[in-house]
Every structure is written in C-alpha cells, then in structure tokens.
N, C-alpha and C. Protein backbone atom coordinates (compact mmCIF):
# COMPACT_ATOMS: atom_id res chain seq x y z
N MET A 1 27.26 -12.07 51.09
CA MET A 1 27.05 -11.07 50.07
C MET A 1 26.01 -11.61 49.06
N PRO A 2 24.74 -11.18 49.16
CA PRO A 2 23.72 -11.65 48.23
C PRO A 2 23.90 -11.01 46.86
N SER A 3 23.74 -11.81 45.86
CA SER A 3 23.90 -11.29 44.49
C SER A 3 22.53 -11.03 43.89
N ALA A 4 22.30 -9.81 43.51
CA ALA A 4 21.03 -9.43 42.88
C ALA A 4 21.17 -9.63 41.38
N PRO A 5 20.12 -10.10 40.73
CA PRO A 5 20.21 -10.27 39.26
C PRO A 5 20.36 -8.91 38.58
N SER A 6 21.36 -8.80 37.77
CA SER A 6 21.60 -7.52 37.09
C SER A 6 20.80 -7.48 35.80
N GLN A 7 20.00 -6.45 35.68
CA GLN A 7 19.19 -6.28 34.47
C GLN A 7 19.58 -4.96 33.83
N ALA A 8 20.12 -5.05 32.65
CA ALA A 8 20.47 -3.84 31.92
C ALA A 8 19.22 -3.33 31.21
N PRO A 9 18.95 -2.03 31.29
CA PRO A 9 17.76 -1.50 30.59
C PRO A 9 17.95 -1.61 29.08
N ALA A 10 16.86 -1.94 28.42
CA ALA A 10 16.91 -2.08 26.96
C ALA A 10 17.10 -0.70 26.34
N PRO A 11 18.07 -0.53 25.44
CA PRO A 11 18.32 0.80 24.87
C PRO A 11 17.18 1.30 24.00
N ASN A 12 16.42 0.41 23.36
CA ASN A 12 15.36 0.83 22.45
C ASN A 12 13.99 0.58 23.04
N ALA A 13 13.88 0.52 24.36
CA ALA A 13 12.59 0.22 24.98
C ALA A 13 11.58 1.33 24.69
N ALA A 14 11.99 2.58 24.81
CA ALA A 14 11.06 3.69 24.57
C ALA A 14 10.69 3.79 23.09
N ALA A 15 11.66 3.60 22.21
CA ALA A 15 11.38 3.68 20.77
C ALA A 15 10.51 2.52 20.32
N HIS A 16 10.71 1.37 20.93
CA HIS A 16 9.93 0.19 20.54
C HIS A 16 8.48 0.33 20.99
N ALA A 17 8.26 1.00 22.13
CA ALA A 17 6.89 1.14 22.64
C ALA A 17 6.08 2.12 21.80
N GLU A 18 6.72 3.06 21.11
CA GLU A 18 5.99 4.05 20.34
C GLU A 18 5.57 3.55 18.96
N ARG A 19 6.18 2.49 18.49
CA ARG A 19 5.84 1.99 17.15
C ARG A 19 4.48 1.30 17.16
N PRO A 20 3.70 1.44 16.09
CA PRO A 20 2.40 0.76 16.04
C PRO A 20 2.60 -0.75 15.92
N VAL A 21 1.68 -1.48 16.52
CA VAL A 21 1.79 -2.94 16.53
C VAL A 21 1.33 -3.51 15.20
N GLU A 22 0.23 -2.98 14.66
CA GLU A 22 -0.29 -3.52 13.40
C GLU A 22 0.36 -2.83 12.21
N PRO A 23 0.45 -3.52 11.08
CA PRO A 23 1.06 -2.89 9.90
C PRO A 23 0.20 -1.75 9.37
N VAL A 24 0.88 -0.75 8.84
CA VAL A 24 0.18 0.44 8.34
C VAL A 24 -0.21 0.20 6.89
N LEU A 25 -1.48 0.47 6.57
CA LEU A 25 -1.97 0.32 5.20
C LEU A 25 -1.59 1.54 4.39
N ARG A 26 -0.97 1.33 3.27
CA ARG A 26 -0.63 2.45 2.38
C ARG A 26 -1.67 2.48 1.26
N ILE A 27 -2.53 3.48 1.29
CA ILE A 27 -3.62 3.60 0.31
C ILE A 27 -3.21 4.61 -0.74
N LEU A 28 -3.43 4.25 -2.00
CA LEU A 28 -3.12 5.17 -3.09
C LEU A 28 -4.01 6.39 -2.99
N PRO A 29 -3.51 7.54 -3.38
CA PRO A 29 -4.36 8.73 -3.37
C PRO A 29 -5.56 8.57 -4.31
N LEU A 30 -6.57 9.36 -4.07
CA LEU A 30 -7.81 9.25 -4.85
C LEU A 30 -7.56 9.52 -6.33
N GLY A 31 -6.67 10.43 -6.65
CA GLY A 31 -6.41 10.78 -8.05
C GLY A 31 -5.88 9.61 -8.85
N SER A 32 -5.00 8.79 -8.24
CA SER A 32 -4.47 7.65 -9.00
C SER A 32 -5.56 6.62 -9.27
N GLY A 33 -6.47 6.46 -8.33
CA GLY A 33 -7.57 5.53 -8.57
C GLY A 33 -8.46 6.00 -9.70
N LEU A 34 -8.72 7.30 -9.75
CA LEU A 34 -9.55 7.84 -10.84
C LEU A 34 -8.86 7.69 -12.19
N VAL A 35 -7.54 7.88 -12.21
CA VAL A 35 -6.79 7.71 -13.46
C VAL A 35 -6.87 6.26 -13.92
N LEU A 36 -6.72 5.31 -12.99
CA LEU A 36 -6.79 3.90 -13.37
C LEU A 36 -8.17 3.53 -13.87
N ILE A 37 -9.21 4.06 -13.26
CA ILE A 37 -10.58 3.79 -13.72
C ILE A 37 -10.78 4.37 -15.12
N GLY A 38 -10.27 5.58 -15.35
CA GLY A 38 -10.39 6.19 -16.68
C GLY A 38 -9.66 5.40 -17.74
N LEU A 39 -8.46 4.92 -17.41
CA LEU A 39 -7.73 4.10 -18.38
C LEU A 39 -8.45 2.80 -18.68
N GLY A 40 -9.04 2.20 -17.67
CA GLY A 40 -9.79 0.95 -17.88
C GLY A 40 -11.00 1.17 -18.76
N LEU A 41 -11.73 2.27 -18.51
CA LEU A 41 -12.89 2.56 -19.35
C LEU A 41 -12.48 2.88 -20.78
N GLY A 42 -11.41 3.64 -20.94
CA GLY A 42 -10.93 3.96 -22.29
C GLY A 42 -10.53 2.70 -23.05
N LEU A 43 -9.84 1.80 -22.37
CA LEU A 43 -9.43 0.55 -23.02
C LEU A 43 -10.65 -0.29 -23.41
N ALA A 44 -11.69 -0.27 -22.56
CA ALA A 44 -12.90 -1.03 -22.88
C ALA A 44 -13.59 -0.46 -24.12
N PHE A 45 -13.65 0.87 -24.22
CA PHE A 45 -14.29 1.48 -25.39
C PHE A 45 -13.48 1.23 -26.66
N VAL A 46 -12.16 1.27 -26.56
CA VAL A 46 -11.32 0.97 -27.72
C VAL A 46 -11.53 -0.47 -28.16
N ALA A 47 -11.62 -1.39 -27.20
CA ALA A 47 -11.85 -2.79 -27.55
C ALA A 47 -13.21 -2.99 -28.22
N LEU A 48 -14.22 -2.26 -27.75
CA LEU A 48 -15.54 -2.38 -28.38
C LEU A 48 -15.54 -1.82 -29.80
N ARG A 49 -14.83 -0.70 -29.99
CA ARG A 49 -14.75 -0.13 -31.34
C ARG A 49 -14.04 -1.07 -32.30
N MET A 50 -12.95 -1.70 -31.82
CA MET A 50 -12.21 -2.63 -32.67
C MET A 50 -13.05 -3.86 -32.99
N ARG A 51 -13.88 -4.29 -32.03
CA ARG A 51 -14.72 -5.46 -32.25
C ARG A 51 -15.81 -5.16 -33.27
N GLN A 52 -16.39 -3.96 -33.20
CA GLN A 52 -17.46 -3.60 -34.13
C GLN A 52 -16.92 -3.29 -35.51
N GLY A 53 -15.75 -2.64 -35.56
CA GLY A 53 -15.22 -2.22 -36.85
C GLY A 53 -14.41 -3.28 -37.55
N GLY A 54 -14.12 -4.37 -36.93
CA GLY A 54 -13.36 -5.43 -37.57
C GLY A 54 -11.86 -5.23 -37.53
N GLY A 55 -11.36 -4.53 -36.52
CA GLY A 55 -9.93 -4.36 -36.39
C GLY A 55 -9.48 -2.95 -36.71
N LEU A 56 -8.19 -2.76 -36.81
CA LEU A 56 -7.65 -1.43 -37.09
C LEU A 56 -7.80 -1.12 -38.57
N SER A 57 -8.24 0.10 -38.85
CA SER A 57 -8.32 0.51 -40.26
C SER A 57 -8.17 1.99 -40.40
C-alpha cells in the first residue's frame, strides 16, 4: 500500500493571490496640499510683518 503525501489546499490561496505585492501609496488629495501651501505662505508673511514691525503691536 503506497502512501501518497497528503497536501491540504491552502484556504486563503485565492485571496492571497489577489492582494498586491507592493505596498500601496496613500497620497493626500490635492486640496489638502493646497491648504498646507497656503498656510505656509501665510505664516511666512506674518513672520515677515513681525520682523519689519518689531513684534506685535
């Protein structure tokens, strides 16, 4: 009686094959980038005004 090696099929073989191999990049939407640029520019102008005017007054 020859014994054949028993191989159980992997339960998640199909689900594992559908997943992407490389990590997915999550990019912020364009609107949030524009908001951050606007805040940075606003902060730069406020800093320049404070530097020229000698502080808060």
